[in-house]
N, C-alpha and C. Protein backbone atom coordinates (compact mmCIF):
# COMPACT_ATOMS: atom_id res chain seq x y z
N UNK A 1 21.21 -0.25 7.58
CA UNK A 1 19.74 0.19 8.44
C UNK A 1 19.39 -1.35 8.81
N UNK A 2 19.17 -1.55 9.91
CA UNK A 2 18.48 -2.99 10.42
C UNK A 2 16.72 -2.95 10.12
N UNK A 3 16.56 -4.36 10.16
CA UNK A 3 14.90 -4.46 9.70
C UNK A 3 13.88 -3.84 10.85
N UNK A 4 14.31 -3.64 11.71
CA UNK A 4 13.24 -3.05 12.70
C UNK A 4 13.29 -1.68 12.40
N UNK A 5 14.32 -0.65 12.16
CA UNK A 5 14.44 0.18 11.80
C UNK A 5 13.31 0.50 10.11
N UNK A 6 13.33 -0.41 9.50
CA UNK A 6 12.74 -0.31 8.02
C UNK A 6 11.18 -0.75 8.54
N UNK A 7 11.08 -1.61 9.18
CA UNK A 7 9.91 -1.90 9.49
C UNK A 7 9.01 -0.46 10.22
N UNK A 8 9.58 -0.07 11.14
CA UNK A 8 9.27 1.37 11.52
C UNK A 8 8.92 2.14 10.41
N UNK A 9 9.54 2.29 9.45
CA UNK A 9 9.52 3.21 8.75
C UNK A 9 8.22 2.68 7.73
N UNK A 10 8.01 1.85 7.40
CA UNK A 10 6.99 0.77 6.92
C UNK A 10 5.66 1.73 7.63
N UNK A 11 5.53 2.01 9.07
CA UNK A 11 4.41 2.35 9.84
C UNK A 11 4.11 4.05 9.23
N UNK A 12 5.34 4.21 8.96
CA UNK A 12 4.94 5.90 8.36
C UNK A 12 4.42 6.22 7.43
N UNK A 13 4.89 4.65 6.18
CA UNK A 13 4.39 5.06 5.16
C UNK A 13 2.77 4.85 4.91
N UNK A 14 2.34 3.74 5.80
CA UNK A 14 0.94 3.26 6.41
C UNK A 14 0.26 4.93 6.43
N UNK A 15 0.68 5.54 7.99
CA UNK A 15 0.12 6.69 8.17
C UNK A 15 0.18 7.81 6.97
N UNK A 16 1.04 7.77 6.12
CA UNK A 16 1.22 9.05 4.88
C UNK A 16 -0.06 8.40 3.86
N UNK A 17 -0.25 7.59 3.89
CA UNK A 17 -1.83 6.90 3.01
C UNK A 17 -2.93 7.64 3.85
N UNK A 18 -3.03 8.37 4.57
CA UNK A 18 -4.30 8.61 5.19
C UNK A 18 -5.23 9.47 4.31
N UNK A 19 -6.36 9.16 4.45
CA UNK A 19 -7.46 9.88 3.59
C UNK A 19 -7.90 11.09 4.23
N UNK A 20 -8.16 10.74 5.63
CA UNK A 20 -9.20 11.87 6.20
C UNK A 20 -8.37 12.06 7.49
N UNK A 21 -8.70 12.83 8.33
CA UNK A 21 -8.27 13.60 9.39
C UNK A 21 -8.04 12.60 10.83
N UNK A 22 -9.12 11.72 10.69
CA UNK A 22 -9.38 10.67 11.63
C UNK A 22 -9.93 9.38 11.07
N UNK A 23 -8.95 8.27 11.15
CA UNK A 23 -9.36 7.13 10.43
C UNK A 23 -9.42 6.23 10.97
N UNK A 24 -10.16 4.60 11.25
CA UNK A 24 -9.91 3.28 11.78
C UNK A 24 -8.46 2.96 11.46
N UNK A 25 -7.74 2.50 12.25
CA UNK A 25 -6.00 2.09 12.34
C UNK A 25 -6.22 0.55 12.09
N UNK A 26 -5.45 -0.14 11.85
CA UNK A 26 -5.04 -1.66 11.60
C UNK A 26 -5.18 -2.25 13.04
N UNK A 27 -5.65 -3.53 13.17
CA UNK A 27 -6.31 -4.11 14.41
C UNK A 27 -7.29 -3.09 15.13
N UNK A 28 -8.00 -2.51 14.52
CA UNK A 28 -9.49 -1.70 15.28
C UNK A 28 -9.15 -0.56 16.36
N UNK A 29 -7.98 0.00 16.15
CA UNK A 29 -7.36 1.20 16.94
C UNK A 29 -7.76 2.39 15.55
N UNK A 30 -8.18 3.55 16.71
CA UNK A 30 -8.03 4.45 15.62
C UNK A 30 -7.26 5.78 15.77
N UNK A 31 -6.52 6.59 14.93
CA UNK A 31 -5.63 7.03 15.38
C UNK A 31 -5.86 8.60 14.20
N UNK A 32 -5.52 10.00 14.65
CA UNK A 32 -5.56 10.64 13.74
C UNK A 32 -4.48 11.14 13.02
N UNK A 33 -4.66 11.58 11.79
CA UNK A 33 -3.64 11.49 10.86
C UNK A 33 -3.95 12.65 9.49
N UNK A 34 -3.22 13.59 9.52
CA UNK A 34 -3.68 14.60 8.36
C UNK A 34 -2.63 14.22 7.32
N UNK A 35 -3.51 14.61 5.89
CA UNK A 35 -2.53 14.28 4.79
C UNK A 35 -1.45 14.39 4.83
N UNK A 36 -0.78 13.67 4.10
CA UNK A 36 0.59 13.60 4.22
C UNK A 36 1.32 14.50 2.70
N UNK A 37 2.43 15.35 2.87
CA UNK A 37 2.99 15.90 1.87
C UNK A 37 4.50 15.40 1.16
N UNK A 38 4.60 14.42 1.13
CA UNK A 38 5.69 13.32 1.12
C UNK A 38 5.24 12.72 -0.37
N UNK A 39 6.67 12.40 -0.95
CA UNK A 39 6.55 11.57 -2.32
C UNK A 39 6.65 10.19 -1.64
N UNK A 40 5.48 9.54 -1.35
CA UNK A 40 5.44 8.50 -1.07
C UNK A 40 6.01 7.15 -1.65
N UNK A 41 5.73 7.08 -2.93
CA UNK A 41 6.47 6.27 -4.17
C UNK A 41 8.08 6.26 -3.71
N UNK A 42 8.71 7.06 -3.51
CA UNK A 42 9.88 7.74 -3.40
C UNK A 42 10.63 6.41 -2.19
N UNK A 43 9.60 7.20 -0.94
CA UNK A 43 9.95 6.52 0.28
C UNK A 43 9.77 5.04 0.53
N UNK A 44 8.78 4.64 -0.19
CA UNK A 44 8.47 3.10 -0.10
C UNK A 44 9.35 2.42 -1.10
N UNK A 45 10.06 3.08 -2.48
CA UNK A 45 11.24 2.50 -3.09
C UNK A 45 12.55 2.76 -1.97
N UNK A 46 12.75 3.24 -1.35
CA UNK A 46 13.81 3.11 -0.49
C UNK A 46 13.75 2.61 0.76
N UNK A 47 12.70 2.52 1.22
CA UNK A 47 12.33 1.31 2.10
C UNK A 47 12.94 0.35 1.77
N UNK A 48 11.85 -0.37 0.56
CA UNK A 48 12.14 -1.63 -0.35
C UNK A 48 13.65 -1.90 -0.36
N UNK A 49 14.22 -0.89 -0.73
CA UNK A 49 16.06 -1.05 -0.80
C UNK A 49 16.55 -1.56 0.46
N UNK A 50 16.14 -0.41 1.45
CA UNK A 50 16.87 -0.69 2.78
C UNK A 50 16.19 -2.41 3.09
N UNK A 51 15.05 -2.64 3.50
CA UNK A 51 14.87 -4.33 3.54
C UNK A 51 15.91 -4.99 2.69
N UNK A 52 15.68 -4.78 1.57
CA UNK A 52 16.17 -6.08 0.27
C UNK A 52 18.16 -6.07 1.34
N UNK A 53 18.30 -5.14 1.42
CA UNK A 53 19.66 -4.80 1.79
C UNK A 53 20.20 -5.63 3.42
N UNK A 54 18.72 -5.62 4.12
CA UNK A 54 18.84 -6.04 5.45
C UNK A 54 18.79 -7.37 5.50
N UNK A 55 17.64 -7.79 4.35
CA UNK A 55 17.55 -9.29 4.01
C UNK A 55 18.94 -9.90 3.84
N UNK A 56 19.08 -9.63 2.93
CA UNK A 56 20.61 -10.32 2.29
C UNK A 56 21.81 -10.51 3.71
N UNK A 57 21.71 -9.58 4.38
CA UNK A 57 22.78 -9.35 5.34
C UNK A 57 22.07 -10.21 6.63
N UNK A 58 20.88 -10.42 6.81
CA UNK A 58 20.20 -11.10 7.78
C UNK A 58 20.44 -12.72 7.27
N UNK A 59 19.98 -12.96 6.04
CA UNK A 59 19.99 -13.88 5.14
C UNK A 59 21.58 -14.83 5.72
N UNK A 60 22.41 -13.82 5.12
CA UNK A 60 23.85 -14.45 5.33
C UNK A 60 24.31 -14.87 6.80
N UNK A 61 23.66 -13.85 7.77
CA UNK A 61 24.39 -14.25 9.00
C UNK A 61 23.70 -15.43 9.73
N UNK A 62 22.51 -15.80 9.26
CA UNK A 62 21.84 -17.20 9.43
C UNK A 62 22.13 -18.30 8.67
N UNK A 63 22.39 -18.24 7.39
CA UNK A 63 22.58 -19.26 6.52
C UNK A 63 23.91 -19.74 7.04
N UNK A 64 24.84 -19.19 7.73
CA UNK A 64 26.23 -19.63 7.88
C UNK A 64 27.08 -20.93 6.88
N UNK A 65 27.22 -19.79 5.67
CA UNK A 65 27.38 -21.24 4.66
C UNK A 65 28.96 -20.51 4.63
N UNK A 66 29.91 -21.53 4.38
CA UNK A 66 31.39 -21.82 4.09
C UNK A 66 31.63 -21.37 2.50
N UNK A 67 32.55 -20.90 2.03
CA UNK A 67 32.47 -20.16 0.91
C UNK A 67 32.24 -21.02 -0.13
N UNK A 68 32.31 -22.31 -0.45
CA UNK A 68 31.79 -23.35 -1.65
C UNK A 68 30.43 -22.95 -1.40
N UNK A 69 29.64 -23.53 -0.36
CA UNK A 69 28.42 -23.51 -0.33
C UNK A 69 27.81 -21.93 -0.90
N UNK A 70 28.44 -21.21 -0.34
CA UNK A 70 27.68 -19.53 -0.50
C UNK A 70 28.03 -19.35 -2.05
N UNK A 71 29.11 -20.25 -2.75
CA UNK A 71 29.24 -19.34 -4.22
C UNK A 71 27.63 -19.94 -4.54
N UNK A 72 27.23 -21.24 -4.13
CA UNK A 72 26.23 -21.77 -4.80
C UNK A 72 25.26 -21.12 -4.21
N UNK A 73 24.71 -20.61 -2.84
CA UNK A 73 23.63 -20.21 -2.33
C UNK A 73 23.16 -18.47 -3.21
N UNK A 74 24.26 -17.95 -3.05
CA UNK A 74 24.03 -16.52 -3.39
C UNK A 74 23.39 -16.17 -4.43
N UNK A 75 24.27 -17.01 -5.73
CA UNK A 75 23.21 -16.60 -6.88
C UNK A 75 21.83 -16.92 -7.39
N UNK A 76 21.78 -18.29 -6.42
CA UNK A 76 20.34 -18.61 -6.72
C UNK A 76 19.09 -17.62 -5.77
N UNK A 77 19.60 -16.89 -4.53
CA UNK A 77 19.11 -16.23 -3.58
C UNK A 77 18.84 -15.06 -4.46
N UNK A 78 19.95 -14.40 -5.29
CA UNK A 78 19.81 -13.22 -5.91
C UNK A 78 18.51 -13.41 -6.91
N UNK A 79 18.55 -13.90 -7.87
CA UNK A 79 17.67 -14.69 -8.78
C UNK A 79 15.81 -14.57 -8.04
N UNK A 80 16.01 -14.98 -6.71
CA UNK A 80 15.02 -15.28 -5.84
C UNK A 80 14.66 -13.81 -5.82
N UNK A 81 15.53 -13.00 -5.02
CA UNK A 81 15.23 -11.97 -4.62
C UNK A 81 14.60 -10.83 -5.68
N UNK A 82 14.95 -10.64 -6.92
CA UNK A 82 14.73 -10.07 -7.93
C UNK A 82 13.08 -10.21 -8.42
N UNK A 83 12.75 -11.62 -8.38
CA UNK A 83 11.62 -11.99 -8.76
C UNK A 83 10.44 -11.77 -7.46
N UNK A 84 11.30 -11.65 -6.38
CA UNK A 84 10.24 -11.36 -4.80
C UNK A 84 10.47 -10.16 -4.74
N UNK A 85 10.97 -9.24 -5.48
CA UNK A 85 10.71 -7.71 -5.36
C UNK A 85 9.76 -7.35 -6.50
N UNK A 86 9.78 -7.86 -7.72
CA UNK A 86 8.54 -7.91 -8.32
C UNK A 86 7.17 -8.25 -7.71
N UNK A 87 7.53 -8.92 -6.97
CA UNK A 87 5.98 -9.44 -6.32
C UNK A 87 5.71 -7.99 -5.20
N UNK A 88 6.69 -7.55 -4.99
CA UNK A 88 6.46 -6.53 -4.04
C UNK A 88 5.77 -5.20 -4.91
N UNK A 89 6.79 -5.15 -6.02
CA UNK A 89 5.83 -3.97 -6.94
C UNK A 89 3.96 -4.17 -6.89
N UNK A 90 3.62 -5.38 -7.30
CA UNK A 90 2.21 -5.74 -7.03
C UNK A 90 1.75 -5.56 -6.04
N UNK A 91 1.89 -5.89 -4.57
CA UNK A 91 1.48 -5.38 -3.23
C UNK A 91 1.59 -3.90 -3.60
N UNK A 92 2.68 -3.00 -3.77
CA UNK A 92 2.95 -1.43 -3.24
C UNK A 92 1.25 -0.82 -4.39
N UNK A 93 1.17 -1.86 -5.61
CA UNK A 93 -0.06 -1.28 -6.31
C UNK A 93 -0.92 -1.71 -5.89
N UNK A 94 -1.68 -2.43 -5.25
CA UNK A 94 -2.95 -3.13 -4.15
C UNK A 94 -2.70 -1.99 -3.31
N UNK A 95 -1.67 -1.53 -2.44
CA UNK A 95 -2.09 -0.59 -1.29
C UNK A 95 -2.29 0.75 -1.89
N UNK A 96 -1.46 0.96 -2.78
CA UNK A 96 -1.87 2.55 -3.73
C UNK A 96 -3.42 2.35 -3.98
N UNK A 97 -3.79 1.41 -4.62
CA UNK A 97 -5.21 1.53 -4.78
C UNK A 97 -6.36 1.06 -3.45
N UNK A 98 -5.89 0.52 -2.84
CA UNK A 98 -6.47 0.31 -1.44
C UNK A 98 -6.89 2.00 -1.01
N UNK A 99 -5.48 2.81 -1.04
CA UNK A 99 -5.85 4.08 -0.22
C UNK A 99 -6.68 4.99 -1.12
N UNK A 100 -6.35 4.97 -2.46
CA UNK A 100 -7.08 5.89 -3.38
C UNK A 100 -8.74 5.44 -2.79
N UNK A 101 -8.93 4.20 -2.95
CA UNK A 101 -10.32 3.96 -2.82
C UNK A 101 -11.12 3.96 -1.26
N UNK A 102 -10.05 3.66 -0.49
CA UNK A 102 -10.60 3.51 0.94
C UNK A 102 -11.74 4.78 1.31
N UNK A 103 -11.71 5.98 1.16
CA UNK A 103 -13.03 6.55 1.54
C UNK A 103 -14.31 6.40 0.52
N UNK A 104 -14.12 6.05 -0.29
CA UNK A 104 -15.52 5.46 -1.46
C UNK A 104 -15.09 4.18 -1.63
N UNK A 105 -14.89 3.24 -1.04
CA UNK A 105 -15.15 1.86 -1.03
C UNK A 105 -16.34 0.96 -1.64
N UNK A 106 -16.18 0.72 -2.33
CA UNK A 106 -17.53 -0.44 -3.24
C UNK A 106 -17.01 -1.90 -3.13
N UNK A 107 -18.18 -2.66 -3.43
CA UNK A 107 -18.21 -4.02 -3.44
C UNK A 107 -17.18 -4.73 -4.45
N UNK A 108 -17.33 -4.10 -5.70
CA UNK A 108 -16.55 -4.24 -6.69
C UNK A 108 -15.14 -4.04 -6.16
N UNK A 109 -14.68 -2.91 -5.97
CA UNK A 109 -13.30 -2.71 -5.96
C UNK A 109 -12.54 -3.36 -4.40
N UNK A 110 -13.41 -3.61 -3.84
CA UNK A 110 -13.07 -4.43 -2.31
C UNK A 110 -12.63 -5.80 -2.97
N UNK A 111 -13.57 -6.18 -3.85
CA UNK A 111 -13.69 -7.96 -4.08
C UNK A 111 -11.96 -7.69 -4.80
N UNK A 112 -12.02 -6.62 -5.77
CA UNK A 112 -10.84 -6.72 -6.44
C UNK A 112 -9.78 -6.77 -6.17
N UNK A 113 -9.49 -6.02 -5.00
CA UNK A 113 -8.28 -5.96 -3.90
C UNK A 113 -8.28 -7.40 -3.27
N UNK A 114 -9.15 -8.23 -2.62
CA UNK A 114 -9.20 -9.10 -2.29
C UNK A 114 -8.60 -10.26 -3.00
N UNK A 115 -9.16 -9.99 -4.46
CA UNK A 115 -8.48 -11.44 -5.06
C UNK A 115 -7.32 -10.95 -5.58
N UNK A 116 -6.68 -9.91 -5.66
CA UNK A 116 -5.48 -9.56 -6.11
C UNK A 116 -4.42 -9.98 -4.65
N UNK A 117 -4.81 -9.49 -3.47
CA UNK A 117 -3.72 -10.01 -2.37
C UNK A 117 -3.73 -11.45 -2.12
N UNK A 118 -4.96 -12.07 -2.36
CA UNK A 118 -4.90 -13.64 -2.42
C UNK A 118 -4.05 -14.60 -3.69
N UNK A 119 -4.04 -13.27 -4.83
CA UNK A 119 -3.22 -14.26 -6.17
C UNK A 119 -1.70 -13.67 -5.66
N UNK A 120 -1.44 -12.60 -4.87
CA UNK A 120 0.00 -11.94 -4.64
C UNK A 120 0.36 -13.21 -3.60
N UNK A 121 -0.69 -13.73 -2.73
CA UNK A 121 -0.02 -15.18 -1.49
C UNK A 121 0.53 -16.34 -2.37
N UNK A 122 -0.50 -16.61 -3.61
CA UNK A 122 -0.70 -17.73 -4.18
C UNK A 122 1.04 -17.63 -4.98
N UNK A 123 1.01 -16.55 -5.54
CA UNK A 123 2.83 -16.37 -6.22
C UNK A 123 3.61 -16.51 -5.62
N UNK A 124 3.70 -15.76 -4.30
CA UNK A 124 4.73 -15.87 -3.11
C UNK A 124 4.97 -17.28 -2.96
N UNK A 125 3.75 -17.97 -2.65
CA UNK A 125 4.22 -19.30 -2.13
C UNK A 125 4.90 -20.32 -2.88
N UNK A 126 4.49 -19.86 -4.35
CA UNK A 126 4.85 -20.58 -5.94
C UNK A 126 6.19 -20.41 -5.88
N UNK A 127 6.64 -19.11 -6.12
CA UNK A 127 7.74 -18.21 -5.86
C UNK A 127 9.02 -19.65 -5.11
N UNK A 128 8.87 -18.94 -3.61
CA UNK A 128 9.13 -20.12 -2.55
C UNK A 128 9.47 -21.42 -2.87
N UNK A 129 8.20 -21.98 -3.15
CA UNK A 129 8.13 -23.59 -3.58
C UNK A 129 9.63 -23.86 -4.92
N UNK A 130 9.56 -22.88 -5.66
CA UNK A 130 10.40 -22.97 -6.64
C UNK A 130 11.84 -22.94 -6.35
N UNK A 131 12.31 -22.13 -5.69
CA UNK A 131 13.54 -21.79 -4.96
C UNK A 131 14.15 -22.69 -3.95
N UNK A 132 12.78 -23.31 -3.16
CA UNK A 132 13.53 -24.53 -2.28
C UNK A 132 13.97 -25.12 -2.81
N UNK A 133 13.03 -25.88 -4.19
CA UNK A 133 13.40 -27.10 -4.90
C UNK A 133 15.09 -26.81 -5.21
N UNK A 134 15.45 -25.46 -5.95
CA UNK A 134 16.78 -25.11 -6.57
C UNK A 134 17.86 -25.21 -5.23
N UNK A 135 17.53 -24.64 -3.86
CA UNK A 135 18.15 -24.69 -3.02
C UNK A 135 18.72 -25.93 -2.74
N UNK A 136 17.90 -26.47 -2.48
CA UNK A 136 17.44 -28.23 -1.99
C UNK A 136 18.43 -28.80 -3.26
N UNK A 137 18.49 -28.69 -4.28
CA UNK A 137 19.20 -29.53 -5.18
C UNK A 137 20.46 -28.97 -5.05
N UNK A 138 20.85 -27.58 -4.69
CA UNK A 138 22.39 -27.16 -4.66
C UNK A 138 22.81 -27.56 -3.23
N UNK A 139 22.26 -27.24 -2.48
CA UNK A 139 22.50 -27.60 -1.20
C UNK A 139 22.31 -28.32 0.07
N UNK A 140 21.30 -29.13 -0.30
CA UNK A 140 20.37 -29.87 0.63
C UNK A 140 19.22 -29.13 1.17
N UNK A 141 18.66 -30.20 1.80
CA UNK A 141 16.74 -30.19 2.35
C UNK A 141 17.15 -29.16 3.53
N UNK A 142 18.36 -29.12 4.15
CA UNK A 142 18.44 -28.38 5.50
C UNK A 142 18.84 -26.79 5.34
N UNK A 143 19.90 -26.75 4.49
CA UNK A 143 19.79 -25.44 4.15
C UNK A 143 18.72 -24.66 3.35
N UNK A 144 18.35 -25.39 2.53
CA UNK A 144 16.87 -24.84 1.58
C UNK A 144 15.88 -24.79 3.11
N UNK A 145 15.74 -25.20 3.62
CA UNK A 145 14.85 -24.92 5.06
C UNK A 145 14.88 -24.24 5.59
N UNK A 146 16.17 -24.06 6.11
CA UNK A 146 16.94 -22.53 6.45
C UNK A 146 16.46 -21.36 5.77
N UNK A 147 16.73 -21.09 4.20
CA UNK A 147 16.24 -19.96 3.64
C UNK A 147 14.93 -19.86 3.84
N UNK A 148 14.32 -20.86 3.79
CA UNK A 148 12.82 -20.89 3.78
C UNK A 148 11.98 -20.44 5.21
N UNK A 149 13.04 -20.54 6.18
CA UNK A 149 12.21 -20.28 7.73
C UNK A 149 12.86 -18.62 7.25
N UNK A 150 14.14 -17.87 7.12
CA UNK A 150 14.62 -16.84 7.35
C UNK A 150 13.58 -16.01 6.41
N UNK A 151 13.32 -16.35 5.07
CA UNK A 151 12.60 -15.65 4.30
C UNK A 151 10.90 -15.28 4.76
N UNK A 152 10.46 -16.43 5.48
CA UNK A 152 9.16 -16.65 5.66
C UNK A 152 9.02 -15.73 6.94
N UNK A 153 9.87 -15.75 7.94
CA UNK A 153 9.93 -14.73 8.96
C UNK A 153 9.91 -13.38 8.94
N UNK A 154 10.75 -13.01 7.75
CA UNK A 154 11.27 -11.83 7.23
C UNK A 154 10.06 -11.16 6.74
N UNK A 155 9.21 -11.99 5.55
CA UNK A 155 8.19 -11.73 5.22
C UNK A 155 6.78 -11.33 5.93
N UNK A 156 6.82 -12.14 6.89
CA UNK A 156 5.76 -11.99 8.19
C UNK A 156 6.10 -10.73 8.72
N UNK A 157 7.02 -10.42 8.92
CA UNK A 157 7.21 -9.06 9.65
C UNK A 157 6.92 -7.91 9.15
N UNK A 158 7.13 -7.91 7.73
CA UNK A 158 7.07 -6.55 6.82
C UNK A 158 5.36 -6.45 6.62
N UNK A 159 4.82 -7.96 6.55
CA UNK A 159 3.68 -8.03 6.45
C UNK A 159 2.50 -7.91 7.14
N UNK A 160 2.74 -8.12 8.50
CA UNK A 160 2.54 -7.55 9.55
C UNK A 160 2.35 -6.02 9.90
N UNK A 161 3.35 -5.46 9.84
CA UNK A 161 3.30 -4.11 9.98
C UNK A 161 2.94 -3.14 8.93
N UNK A 162 2.49 -3.57 7.70
CA UNK A 162 1.82 -3.10 6.67
C UNK A 162 0.18 -3.43 6.98
N UNK A 163 -0.10 -4.72 7.42
CA UNK A 163 -1.19 -4.62 7.42
C UNK A 163 -1.76 -4.08 8.83
N UNK A 164 -0.89 -3.88 9.77
CA UNK A 164 -1.31 -3.29 11.06
C UNK A 164 -1.56 -1.65 11.08
N UNK A 165 -1.34 -0.73 9.94
CA UNK A 165 -1.05 0.26 10.00
C UNK A 165 -2.15 0.22 8.39
N UNK A 166 -2.76 -0.29 8.25
CA UNK A 166 -3.39 0.21 7.24
C UNK A 166 -5.16 -0.02 7.44
N UNK A 167 -5.60 0.62 7.68
CA UNK A 167 -6.98 0.95 8.24
C UNK A 167 -7.93 -0.22 7.48
N UNK A 168 -8.75 -0.74 8.50
CA UNK A 168 -9.49 -2.00 7.93
C UNK A 168 -10.93 -1.27 7.46
N UNK A 169 -11.61 -2.08 6.45
CA UNK A 169 -12.51 -1.41 5.72
C UNK A 169 -13.50 -1.33 6.77
N UNK A 170 -14.25 -0.06 6.35
CA UNK A 170 -15.26 0.17 7.61
C UNK A 170 -16.86 -0.48 6.52
N UNK A 171 -17.63 -1.01 7.59
CA UNK A 171 -18.92 -0.88 7.11
C UNK A 171 -20.06 0.04 6.59
N UNK A 172 -20.63 -0.08 5.39
CA UNK A 172 -21.48 1.23 4.81
C UNK A 172 -23.01 0.53 5.00
C-alpha cells in the first residue's frame, strides 16, 4: 500500500471521529458526517502498520545504500521506528481524548491536550536528534541528513492529513 492511500485512509479515520451530524472540519471547512459504526482503534492500527511498511519502502528507495551501509542503517532505523511508533500511540491517545471532549470542550481539557501535543512534538524532535547522531556516526552526515529529510517529509504528510480532518475547537 502506498503512502497516498494510507494518508487518504487517515482522512476516513478523522471523519469517523465525528461527534455531531454537522461539524466544522479542519482548515475552516464544514462537512456533514454521521456517527461512524466502525472499530476505529483497529482501523488506525491497520493504517499505522501500513504506514510503517510504506515508510520502510520509501526510506529504502531514497537512502540508496549498498549492502554494507544497509547492514549498518536498518538495525538503527528499526530501533528508531519502534520508539517512533510509541509516540504514535501517544498521538492516538490525544486524538481519542480530543474526539471524546470535542462537543463539550473546556479550557482545562483544551490546555491539557495542547500541552500533550507540544510534549509529543518535543519528544519527536529529541528522538530524531538521537537517531541522527547514531546514523551520522555509522554512515556519515550526508546519509544521516537524508534519513532526517525523508522522515520529516513523511511525518509532515501524515500530520497534515490528520490535522486537516480534525475539527478546529469552536469558540464557546
